[in-house]
Amino acid sequence: MFRDITKEEINKVMESAWSAFHVYRKRSLRERADFMRAIATEIEALGDELIAVAGKETNLPEARLKGERARTIFQLNSYATACEKGEWLEARIDTAVPDKNPPKPDIRKMLVPLGPVVVFGASNFPFAYSTAGGDTATAFAAGCPVIVKAHPAHAETSELVAKAITRAVEKAGWPAGIFTHVHGTGFEVGQALIEHPYTKAVGFTGSFSGGKQLFDWANARREPIPVFAEMSSINPVFLLPEKLKIAASEIAKQYAGSVTLGVGQFCTNPGLLIGVEGEELSQFTATLAAEIETIAPATMLHDGISKNYSQKREQALAQTGVDTISISKVKAAENQGSPTIASVSAETFISNPVLHQEVFGPYSLIIRCKDLQQMLEVARHIEGQLTATLMATEADIINNAELVDAVQNLCGRFILNGVPTGVEVCLSMQHGGPFPATTDSRFSSVGADGIKRFARPVAFQNWVNELLPDELKNENPLGIWRTVNDELIKEPIH
């Protein structure tokens, strides 16, 4: 239905975005915030049509889509508020000390926008991580034009949302290049967008192979650019002995729901469950197996994800030493994901890299450890993750400090006695983690701190007050929080 953009057209799009950048970057924080709120209003105005189209393209239920649309609107509004407050600018002011030897100059620093940002829509979140999702919203907040490449799995949904954003741009009377929406099913489009000299940053949510390829293209440029890619995570859960002893069945039921939530199509799906062999782990395994057997398969987002799940699951189950513990008793229909639990010894897991790979769907692997020392060894062999979870009592934590440190070291979000599925949109959220979970663990793709990904610091030295940006002027006309001579204040500088 939608034609792939050509390289010649990409060049025109990027030239338009670069031109628009020099206009948009000068818009005030309030103007940017109002623009983002206008986008939220336009998306809400799409009404039932948007939900119907997205449901047809993604197989997601109406309730999930309405919830995700609400989250997307909330992101736009909350990031708009954060944009306007200006705390993300990290304004720093050190006033001059002329009588110091040598004299100390007046130095003022803040974050400024990078330039045009290319955003790749995610397959599993047609709203919240796609066309008007978190990457787009935070880039707009930072003062950057956005070029979105629609995900082919929900191209029509993406097109509807793109038109809503375009209407907001037109109503603001701003240059069209502030937002552009393109289509492309082949890698050539993505490569051309990444390699264009006017592209200054990239946002991506998807597979490891896709994100790593974008990262490699970006770093092979004459001018390397940052790629903020969320790629692969199996979100290990460590079942500590005392906690398992008092709540094995309850935890198993809790995790049966988490593993199969949304047919397992979340980047925070718990793909590893790690415990010490014994009666408690056996009880946990038996309860989890019984729960999984009763959960019916459900249709996955599209046939590509369904085929990938089947292939990855079969590959994992075929590995030497892997035992299939439980599969849903309800036969899966075409494009449905069948809930599955497998089990393996810690030694086999550590030595087999195939078992460290993400199986994107309702699948989880129980790792059986001989003792807590071996659990520590497993933790040290797990690659970087978005999340890691401890199911533990206070005594478990106090008595296993080395394990706790090892688990914290491998993740971006460290959870105690909960499930990793569900990502709250708030300032304190960290949705990112060490490689290969993301390409830069210093940043979050959820929460207003994500704005900082698309900005860079600039220090202004010895500038007269009248010529400084409003954010750094003595009188603080924007009324934002600033660190002045090492003190966080809103008051003007006299």
Protein backbone atom coordinates (compact mmCIF):
# COMPACT_ATOMS: atom_id res chain seq x y z
CA MET A 1 0.00 0.00 0.00
CA PHE A 2 2.83 2.41 0.84
CA ARG A 3 5.80 3.00 -1.42
CA ASP A 4 9.37 2.89 -0.14
CA ILE A 5 11.01 6.30 -0.10
CA THR A 6 13.89 6.72 -2.58
CA LYS A 7 17.40 7.97 -1.78
CA GLU A 8 16.70 11.15 -3.74
CA GLU A 9 13.57 11.76 -1.67
CA ILE A 10 15.50 11.06 1.53
CA ASN A 11 17.97 13.76 0.59
CA LYS A 12 15.14 16.28 0.16
CA VAL A 13 13.54 15.18 3.44
CA MET A 14 16.79 15.61 5.35
CA GLU A 15 17.50 19.00 3.76
CA SER A 16 14.02 20.11 4.82
CA ALA A 17 14.60 18.80 8.36
CA TRP A 18 17.96 20.55 8.59
CA SER A 19 16.42 23.83 7.47
CA ALA A 20 13.55 23.42 9.95
CA PHE A 21 16.01 22.66 12.74
CA HIS A 22 17.35 26.20 12.65
CA VAL A 23 13.81 27.48 13.18
CA TYR A 24 12.53 24.93 15.68
CA ARG A 25 15.59 24.96 17.94
CA LYS A 26 14.86 28.63 18.68
CA ARG A 27 11.28 28.00 19.74
CA SER A 28 10.79 28.58 23.45
CA LEU A 29 10.25 25.73 25.88
CA ARG A 30 6.63 26.80 26.22
CA GLU A 31 6.10 26.78 22.44
CA ARG A 32 7.57 23.29 22.15
CA ALA A 33 5.41 22.09 25.04
CA ASP A 34 2.25 23.55 23.51
CA PHE A 35 3.12 21.85 20.21
CA MET A 36 3.47 18.48 21.96
CA ARG A 37 0.14 18.97 23.72
CA ALA A 38 -1.43 19.80 20.37
CA ILE A 39 -0.14 16.50 18.96
CA ALA A 40 -1.77 14.66 21.88
CA THR A 41 -5.06 16.42 21.13
CA GLU A 42 -4.87 15.51 17.43
CA ILE A 43 -4.20 11.84 18.25
CA GLU A 44 -7.12 11.73 20.65
CA ALA A 45 -9.32 13.25 17.94
CA LEU A 46 -8.61 10.26 15.68
CA GLY A 47 -11.02 8.34 17.91
CA ASP A 48 -12.20 4.84 17.12
CA GLU A 49 -10.74 4.84 13.60
CA LEU A 50 -7.21 4.66 14.99
CA ILE A 51 -8.09 1.76 17.30
CA ALA A 52 -9.83 -0.15 14.50
CA VAL A 53 -6.93 0.22 12.07
CA ALA A 54 -4.34 -0.71 14.70
CA GLY A 55 -6.37 -3.75 15.73
CA LYS A 56 -6.55 -4.95 12.15
CA GLU A 57 -2.80 -4.56 11.64
CA THR A 58 -1.46 -5.85 14.97
CA ASN A 59 -4.02 -8.39 16.29
CA LEU A 60 -3.90 -6.54 19.62
CA PRO A 61 -7.18 -6.41 21.58
CA GLU A 62 -9.15 -3.17 21.79
CA ALA A 63 -8.54 -2.73 25.52
CA ARG A 64 -4.76 -3.00 25.09
CA LEU A 65 -4.77 -0.54 22.19
CA LYS A 66 -6.90 1.99 24.06
CA GLY A 67 -4.59 1.69 27.05
CA GLU A 68 -1.52 2.18 24.89
CA ARG A 69 -3.06 5.18 23.14
CA ALA A 70 -3.77 6.70 26.56
CA ARG A 71 -0.16 6.06 27.55
CA THR A 72 1.08 7.74 24.36
CA ILE A 73 -1.07 10.81 25.02
CA PHE A 74 0.15 10.86 28.63
CA GLN A 75 3.78 10.68 27.45
CA LEU A 76 3.32 13.64 25.13
CA ASN A 77 1.66 15.72 27.84
CA SER A 78 4.02 14.75 30.66
CA TYR A 79 7.15 15.27 28.54
CA ALA A 80 5.69 18.61 27.45
CA THR A 81 5.43 19.63 31.10
CA ALA A 82 9.00 18.47 31.72
CA CYS A 83 10.18 20.36 28.65
CA GLU A 84 8.59 23.56 29.92
CA LYS A 85 9.99 23.19 33.45
CA GLY A 86 13.49 23.07 31.95
CA GLU A 87 15.19 20.94 34.58
CA TRP A 88 16.45 18.62 31.83
CA LEU A 89 18.53 21.54 30.47
CA GLU A 90 20.92 21.11 33.41
CA ALA A 91 21.56 24.86 33.49
CA ARG A 92 24.81 25.58 35.35
CA ILE A 93 26.15 29.04 36.11
CA ASP A 94 29.48 29.99 37.67
CA THR A 95 29.80 33.74 37.88
CA ALA A 96 33.07 35.58 37.32
CA VAL A 97 35.60 36.26 40.08
CA PRO A 98 37.75 39.05 38.59
CA ASP A 99 40.10 39.40 41.57
CA LYS A 100 41.07 35.73 41.55
CA ASN A 101 44.58 34.95 40.29
CA PRO A 102 44.22 34.18 37.46
CA PRO A 103 40.77 35.80 37.09
CA LYS A 104 37.88 33.34 36.95
CA PRO A 105 35.67 33.91 33.88
CA ASP A 106 31.88 33.86 33.84
CA ILE A 107 30.86 30.40 32.55
CA ARG A 108 27.30 29.21 31.92
CA LYS A 109 26.31 25.82 30.54
CA MET A 110 23.11 24.21 29.26
CA LEU A 111 21.94 21.45 26.94
CA VAL A 112 21.10 22.40 23.35
CA PRO A 113 19.39 20.27 20.64
CA LEU A 114 21.50 17.95 18.47
CA GLY A 115 19.62 18.26 15.18
CA PRO A 116 17.32 16.04 13.10
CA VAL A 117 16.51 12.72 14.78
CA VAL A 118 15.55 9.57 12.87
CA VAL A 119 13.11 7.35 14.76
CA PHE A 120 12.37 3.75 13.79
CA GLY A 121 8.90 2.57 14.80
CA ALA A 122 8.67 -0.54 17.00
CA SER A 123 6.69 -3.59 15.95
CA ASN A 124 5.24 -4.46 19.36
CA PHE A 125 4.00 -1.01 20.42
CA PRO A 126 2.15 0.66 17.53
CA PHE A 127 1.59 3.86 19.52
CA ALA A 128 3.84 4.26 22.58
CA TYR A 129 7.15 3.32 20.90
CA SER A 130 6.33 4.27 17.35
CA THR A 131 5.33 7.33 15.33
CA ALA A 132 4.39 9.63 18.21
CA GLY A 133 6.02 7.53 20.90
CA GLY A 134 8.64 8.29 23.49
CA ASP A 135 11.55 8.85 21.09
CA THR A 136 9.56 11.30 18.97
CA ALA A 137 8.17 13.13 22.00
CA THR A 138 11.53 13.54 23.73
CA ALA A 139 13.21 14.65 20.50
CA PHE A 140 10.55 17.33 20.02
CA ALA A 141 11.03 18.41 23.65
CA ALA A 142 14.78 18.75 23.08
CA GLY A 143 14.17 21.01 20.06
CA CYS A 144 14.91 18.49 17.31
CA PRO A 145 12.99 17.81 14.08
CA VAL A 146 11.94 14.17 13.71
CA ILE A 147 11.93 11.82 10.74
CA VAL A 148 9.94 8.64 11.50
CA LYS A 149 10.35 5.47 9.48
CA ALA A 150 7.11 3.56 9.90
CA HIS A 151 7.25 -0.07 10.94
CA PRO A 152 5.92 -2.13 7.99
CA ALA A 153 3.84 -4.28 10.35
CA HIS A 154 1.51 -1.37 11.13
CA ALA A 155 2.14 1.11 8.33
CA GLU A 156 -1.45 2.34 8.08
CA THR A 157 -1.64 2.99 11.82
CA SER A 158 1.63 4.89 11.60
CA GLU A 159 0.28 6.92 8.68
CA LEU A 160 -2.79 7.98 10.66
CA VAL A 161 -0.69 9.13 13.62
CA ALA A 162 1.74 10.90 11.28
CA LYS A 163 -1.10 12.91 9.77
CA ALA A 164 -2.13 13.96 13.28
CA ILE A 165 1.39 15.25 13.97
CA THR A 166 1.48 17.02 10.61
CA ARG A 167 -1.79 18.79 11.44
CA ALA A 168 -0.25 20.03 14.69
CA VAL A 169 2.77 21.37 12.78
CA GLU A 170 0.53 23.13 10.25
CA LYS A 171 -1.68 24.68 12.94
CA ALA A 172 1.43 26.01 14.68
CA GLY A 173 2.49 27.62 11.40
CA TRP A 174 5.91 26.02 11.58
CA PRO A 175 8.10 24.61 8.76
CA ALA A 176 6.91 21.23 7.45
CA GLY A 177 10.40 19.77 7.94
CA ILE A 178 9.90 19.67 11.70
CA PHE A 179 8.22 16.29 11.14
CA THR A 180 8.43 13.85 8.24
CA HIS A 181 6.99 10.35 7.92
CA VAL A 182 8.49 7.82 5.51
CA HIS A 183 8.04 4.17 4.61
CA GLY A 184 10.61 1.50 3.78
CA THR A 185 10.56 -2.28 3.92
CA GLY A 186 14.18 -2.86 2.88
CA PHE A 187 17.36 -2.13 4.83
CA GLU A 188 18.41 0.37 2.17
CA VAL A 189 16.00 3.01 3.47
CA GLY A 190 17.25 2.69 7.04
CA GLN A 191 20.87 2.79 5.91
CA ALA A 192 20.33 5.89 3.79
CA LEU A 193 18.61 7.68 6.69
CA ILE A 194 21.39 6.77 9.12
CA GLU A 195 24.20 7.74 6.76
CA HIS A 196 22.77 11.10 5.70
CA PRO A 197 25.01 13.90 7.01
CA TYR A 198 22.05 15.88 8.37
CA THR A 199 20.96 13.02 10.64
CA LYS A 200 22.31 13.78 14.11
CA ALA A 201 20.81 11.01 16.29
CA VAL A 202 18.72 7.83 16.07
CA GLY A 203 16.02 6.25 18.25
CA PHE A 204 15.23 2.54 17.82
CA THR A 205 13.29 -0.19 19.61
CA GLY A 206 13.48 -3.70 18.18
CA SER A 207 15.72 -6.69 17.62
CA PHE A 208 19.39 -6.98 18.50
CA SER A 209 20.37 -7.56 14.87
CA GLY A 210 18.44 -4.49 13.71
CA GLY A 211 19.71 -2.18 16.44
CA LYS A 212 23.31 -3.35 16.12
CA GLN A 213 23.24 -2.77 12.36
CA LEU A 214 22.02 0.79 12.82
CA PHE A 215 24.70 1.34 15.47
CA ASP A 216 27.42 0.04 13.14
CA TRP A 217 26.27 2.24 10.24
CA ALA A 218 26.19 5.28 12.53
CA ASN A 219 29.71 4.66 13.81
CA ALA A 220 31.10 4.07 10.31
CA ARG A 221 30.08 7.59 9.25
CA ARG A 222 32.65 10.32 8.75
CA GLU A 223 30.85 12.03 11.63
CA PRO A 224 29.65 9.27 14.00
CA ILE A 225 26.30 9.93 15.65
CA PRO A 226 24.60 8.48 18.74
CA VAL A 227 22.16 5.59 18.29
CA PHE A 228 19.86 5.01 21.23
CA ALA A 229 18.74 1.45 20.52
CA GLU A 230 16.76 -0.79 22.83
CA MET A 231 17.53 -4.25 21.48
CA SER A 232 17.48 -7.46 23.46
CA SER A 233 16.70 -8.47 27.03
CA ILE A 234 15.73 -11.70 28.80
CA ASN A 235 15.22 -10.06 32.20
CA PRO A 236 16.48 -12.68 34.67
CA VAL A 237 14.60 -13.40 37.88
CA PHE A 238 16.62 -14.75 40.83
CA LEU A 239 14.59 -16.89 43.24
CA LEU A 240 16.39 -16.75 46.57
CA PRO A 241 15.98 -19.66 49.01
CA GLU A 242 14.20 -18.12 51.98
CA LYS A 243 11.66 -16.31 49.81
CA LEU A 244 11.03 -19.43 47.74
CA LYS A 245 10.57 -21.46 50.91
CA ILE A 246 7.68 -19.29 52.11
CA ALA A 247 6.02 -18.41 48.79
CA ALA A 248 6.98 -20.84 45.99
CA SER A 249 3.45 -21.38 44.67
CA GLU A 250 2.44 -17.73 44.91
CA ILE A 251 5.55 -16.63 43.00
CA ALA A 252 4.95 -19.29 40.35
CA LYS A 253 1.38 -18.08 39.75
CA GLN A 254 2.58 -14.49 39.61
CA TYR A 255 5.18 -15.34 37.00
CA ALA A 256 2.86 -17.47 34.90
CA GLY A 257 0.93 -14.26 34.30
CA SER A 258 4.04 -12.20 33.63
CA VAL A 259 5.58 -14.67 31.16
CA THR A 260 2.38 -14.86 29.10
CA LEU A 261 1.19 -11.24 29.40
CA GLY A 262 0.54 -9.83 25.93
CA VAL A 263 1.61 -13.21 24.45
CA GLY A 264 5.07 -12.50 25.85
CA GLN A 265 5.62 -9.66 23.38
CA PHE A 266 7.25 -7.23 25.78
CA CYS A 267 10.93 -6.30 25.97
CA THR A 268 10.62 -6.81 29.75
CA ASN A 269 9.30 -10.39 29.53
CA PRO A 270 10.98 -12.58 32.21
CA GLY A 271 12.90 -15.10 30.08
CA LEU A 272 15.08 -16.62 32.83
CA LEU A 273 13.98 -17.95 36.24
CA ILE A 274 16.98 -18.90 38.38
CA GLY A 275 16.78 -20.95 41.58
CA VAL A 276 18.64 -23.45 43.75
CA GLU A 277 17.71 -27.12 43.34
CA GLY A 278 15.58 -28.56 46.12
CA GLU A 279 12.03 -29.06 47.31
CA GLU A 280 11.10 -25.37 47.00
CA LEU A 281 12.30 -25.02 43.40
CA SER A 282 10.50 -28.27 42.54
CA GLN A 283 7.28 -26.86 44.02
CA PHE A 284 7.75 -23.62 42.10
CA THR A 285 8.36 -25.53 38.86
CA ALA A 286 5.35 -27.81 39.33
CA THR A 287 3.00 -24.91 40.07
CA LEU A 288 4.31 -22.86 37.16
CA ALA A 289 3.97 -25.85 34.82
CA ALA A 290 0.37 -26.43 35.89
CA GLU A 291 -0.49 -22.76 35.39
CA ILE A 292 1.14 -22.59 31.95
CA GLU A 293 -0.78 -25.67 30.75
CA THR A 294 -4.08 -23.87 31.34
CA ILE A 295 -3.16 -20.65 29.51
CA ALA A 296 -4.39 -20.73 25.93
CA PRO A 297 -2.19 -19.60 23.04
CA ALA A 298 -3.06 -16.21 21.56
CA THR A 299 -2.44 -14.53 18.22
CA MET A 300 0.87 -12.70 17.98
CA LEU A 301 1.38 -9.26 16.47
CA HIS A 302 2.11 -10.49 12.96
CA ASP A 303 3.32 -13.59 11.15
CA GLY A 304 6.96 -12.46 11.25
CA ILE A 305 7.02 -12.36 15.04
CA SER A 306 5.08 -15.64 15.21
CA LYS A 307 7.55 -17.42 12.92
CA ASN A 308 10.51 -15.98 14.81
CA TYR A 309 9.03 -17.17 18.11
CA SER A 310 8.47 -20.69 16.79
CA GLN A 311 11.98 -20.90 15.37
CA LYS A 312 13.73 -19.49 18.43
CA ARG A 313 11.66 -21.64 20.80
CA GLU A 314 12.34 -24.82 18.86
CA GLN A 315 16.03 -23.99 18.68
CA ALA A 316 16.20 -23.47 22.44
CA LEU A 317 14.24 -26.63 23.26
CA ALA A 318 16.47 -28.67 20.94
CA GLN A 319 19.65 -27.81 22.86
CA THR A 320 21.35 -30.64 24.72
CA GLY A 321 20.36 -30.70 28.39
CA VAL A 322 17.19 -28.61 27.96
CA ASP A 323 14.03 -30.24 29.30
CA THR A 324 10.57 -29.10 28.23
CA ILE A 325 8.60 -28.64 31.45
CA SER A 326 5.26 -27.37 30.25
CA ILE A 327 3.41 -26.30 27.10
CA SER A 328 -0.14 -25.04 26.92
CA LYS A 329 -2.57 -27.94 26.50
CA VAL A 330 -4.57 -25.88 24.01
CA LYS A 331 -3.30 -26.40 20.49
CA ALA A 332 -1.98 -23.24 18.88
CA ALA A 333 -3.62 -22.01 15.69
CA GLU A 334 -1.79 -20.19 12.90
CA ASN A 335 0.28 -17.21 14.12
CA GLN A 336 -0.42 -18.02 17.77
CA GLY A 337 2.25 -18.26 20.44
CA SER A 338 2.06 -21.32 22.67
CA PRO A 339 3.10 -20.66 26.32
CA THR A 340 6.19 -22.75 27.13
CA ILE A 341 8.46 -23.39 30.12
CA ALA A 342 11.77 -25.26 29.87
CA SER A 343 14.51 -26.12 32.35
CA VAL A 344 18.28 -26.55 32.26
CA SER A 345 21.20 -26.96 34.64
CA ALA A 346 23.35 -23.96 35.47
CA GLU A 347 26.42 -25.62 33.92
CA THR A 348 24.66 -26.14 30.61
CA PHE A 349 23.27 -22.60 30.57
CA ILE A 350 26.65 -21.03 31.24
CA SER A 351 28.36 -23.01 28.48
CA ASN A 352 25.69 -22.64 25.79
CA PRO A 353 25.34 -19.12 24.26
CA VAL A 354 22.17 -20.12 22.40
CA LEU A 355 20.35 -20.26 25.75
CA HIS A 356 21.35 -16.64 26.46
CA GLN A 357 19.43 -15.39 23.42
CA GLU A 358 16.02 -13.77 23.69
CA VAL A 359 13.02 -15.91 22.70
CA PHE A 360 10.49 -13.17 22.00
CA GLY A 361 7.18 -14.60 23.12
CA PRO A 362 5.52 -16.49 26.02
CA TYR A 363 8.60 -18.55 26.90
CA SER A 364 10.82 -18.80 29.96
CA LEU A 365 13.75 -21.00 30.99
CA ILE A 366 14.25 -22.25 34.55
CA ILE A 367 17.93 -22.49 35.49
CA ARG A 368 18.72 -25.05 38.21
CA CYS A 369 21.69 -24.14 40.40
CA LYS A 370 23.42 -26.51 42.82
CA ASP A 371 23.86 -23.77 45.41
CA LEU A 372 23.99 -20.01 45.86
CA GLN A 373 27.62 -19.89 44.75
CA GLN A 374 26.59 -21.34 41.41
CA MET A 375 23.72 -18.82 41.23
CA LEU A 376 26.36 -16.12 41.60
CA GLU A 377 28.33 -17.71 38.76
CA VAL A 378 25.21 -17.64 36.56
CA ALA A 379 24.67 -13.96 37.34
CA ARG A 380 28.22 -13.19 36.30
CA HIS A 381 27.70 -14.94 32.95
CA ILE A 382 24.49 -13.10 32.01
CA GLU A 383 24.84 -10.24 29.54
CA GLY A 384 23.42 -6.74 30.03
CA GLN A 385 19.66 -6.52 30.60
CA LEU A 386 16.87 -3.96 30.80
CA THR A 387 15.73 -5.46 34.10
CA ALA A 388 16.75 -7.98 36.72
CA THR A 389 14.59 -9.14 39.61
CA LEU A 390 15.23 -10.56 43.08
CA MET A 391 12.46 -12.56 44.73
CA ALA A 392 13.95 -12.36 48.20
CA THR A 393 13.42 -11.68 51.89
CA GLU A 394 15.48 -9.07 53.73
CA ALA A 395 17.60 -11.88 55.14
CA ASP A 396 18.18 -13.26 51.64
CA ILE A 397 19.51 -9.88 50.57
CA ILE A 398 21.68 -9.32 53.65
CA ASN A 399 23.17 -12.81 53.46
CA ASN A 400 23.94 -12.65 49.73
CA ALA A 401 25.49 -9.23 49.24
CA GLU A 402 27.89 -10.43 46.53
CA LEU A 403 25.03 -11.89 44.47
CA VAL A 404 22.96 -8.73 44.91
CA ASP A 405 25.86 -6.62 43.63
CA ALA A 406 26.40 -8.91 40.64
CA VAL A 407 22.73 -8.76 39.64
CA GLN A 408 22.58 -4.99 40.01
CA ASN A 409 25.65 -4.70 37.80
CA LEU A 410 23.92 -6.31 34.81
CA CYS A 411 20.68 -4.29 34.61
CA GLY A 412 19.11 -0.87 34.26
CA ARG A 413 16.05 -1.50 36.47
CA PHE A 414 16.56 -3.60 39.62
CA ILE A 415 13.28 -5.06 40.92
CA LEU A 416 12.54 -6.57 44.33
CA ASN A 417 9.61 -8.96 44.77
CA GLY A 418 7.72 -7.96 41.66
CA VAL A 419 7.54 -8.65 37.93
CA PRO A 420 9.44 -6.78 35.21
CA THR A 421 6.49 -6.49 32.83
CA GLY A 422 4.95 -3.04 33.03
CA VAL A 423 7.05 0.12 32.62
CA GLU A 424 5.80 3.15 34.53
CA VAL A 425 6.19 6.47 32.71
CA CYS A 426 7.80 8.69 35.34
CA LEU A 427 10.97 10.66 35.92
CA SER A 428 12.62 7.99 38.07
CA MET A 429 12.12 5.18 35.52
CA GLN A 430 15.23 3.72 33.89
CA HIS A 431 14.36 1.88 30.70
CA GLY A 432 17.77 0.97 29.39
CA GLY A 433 20.65 -1.22 30.44
CA PRO A 434 24.15 -2.46 29.63
CA PHE A 435 24.85 -3.83 26.16
CA PRO A 436 23.27 -5.78 24.48
CA ALA A 437 20.06 -4.51 26.11
CA THR A 438 20.81 -1.04 24.76
CA THR A 439 23.62 0.73 22.95
CA ASP A 440 24.05 3.32 25.71
CA SER A 441 23.17 2.36 29.27
CA ARG A 442 23.55 5.95 30.53
CA PHE A 443 20.15 6.90 29.14
CA SER A 444 16.49 5.93 29.48
CA SER A 445 13.96 5.72 26.66
CA VAL A 446 11.09 6.16 29.16
CA GLY A 447 10.59 9.19 31.39
CA ALA A 448 11.51 12.83 30.85
CA ASP A 449 15.22 12.12 31.34
CA GLY A 450 15.00 10.63 27.83
CA ILE A 451 15.02 14.22 26.50
CA LYS A 452 18.72 14.43 27.33
CA ARG A 453 19.52 11.81 24.67
CA PHE A 454 18.88 14.35 21.92
CA ALA A 455 20.80 17.29 23.37
CA ARG A 456 24.43 18.20 24.01
CA PRO A 457 26.08 20.58 26.50
CA VAL A 458 27.40 23.99 25.44
CA ALA A 459 29.27 26.34 27.78
CA PHE A 460 29.01 30.10 27.20
CA GLN A 461 32.10 31.92 28.51
CA ASN A 462 32.23 35.69 29.14
CA TRP A 463 29.01 36.45 27.25
CA VAL A 464 27.19 39.66 28.12
CA ASN A 465 23.85 39.04 29.78
CA GLU A 466 21.73 40.49 26.99
CA LEU A 467 23.15 38.07 24.41
CA LEU A 468 22.79 34.90 26.47
CA PRO A 469 19.93 32.41 25.94
CA ASP A 470 16.98 33.16 28.22
CA GLU A 471 17.75 29.97 30.13
CA LEU A 472 21.08 31.44 31.31
CA LYS A 473 20.31 35.14 31.75
CA ASN A 474 20.79 36.75 35.16
CA GLU A 475 17.10 37.53 35.62
CA ASN A 476 16.04 33.93 34.87
CA PRO A 477 13.02 34.99 32.77
CA LEU A 478 11.84 31.37 32.39
CA GLY A 479 11.79 30.79 36.13
CA ILE A 480 13.62 27.45 35.85
CA TRP A 481 15.81 25.72 38.41
CA ARG A 482 19.50 26.45 37.85
CA THR A 483 22.70 25.58 39.69
CA VAL A 484 24.32 28.94 40.40
CA ASN A 485 27.73 28.86 42.05
CA ASP A 486 27.01 25.31 43.23
CA GLU A 487 23.59 26.18 44.70
CA LEU A 488 20.31 24.99 43.13
CA ILE A 489 18.04 28.04 42.96
CA LYS A 490 15.33 29.78 40.92
CA GLU A 491 16.20 33.28 42.08
CA PRO A 492 17.74 35.85 39.69
CA ILE A 493 21.44 36.63 39.83
CA HIS A 494 22.13 40.12 41.15
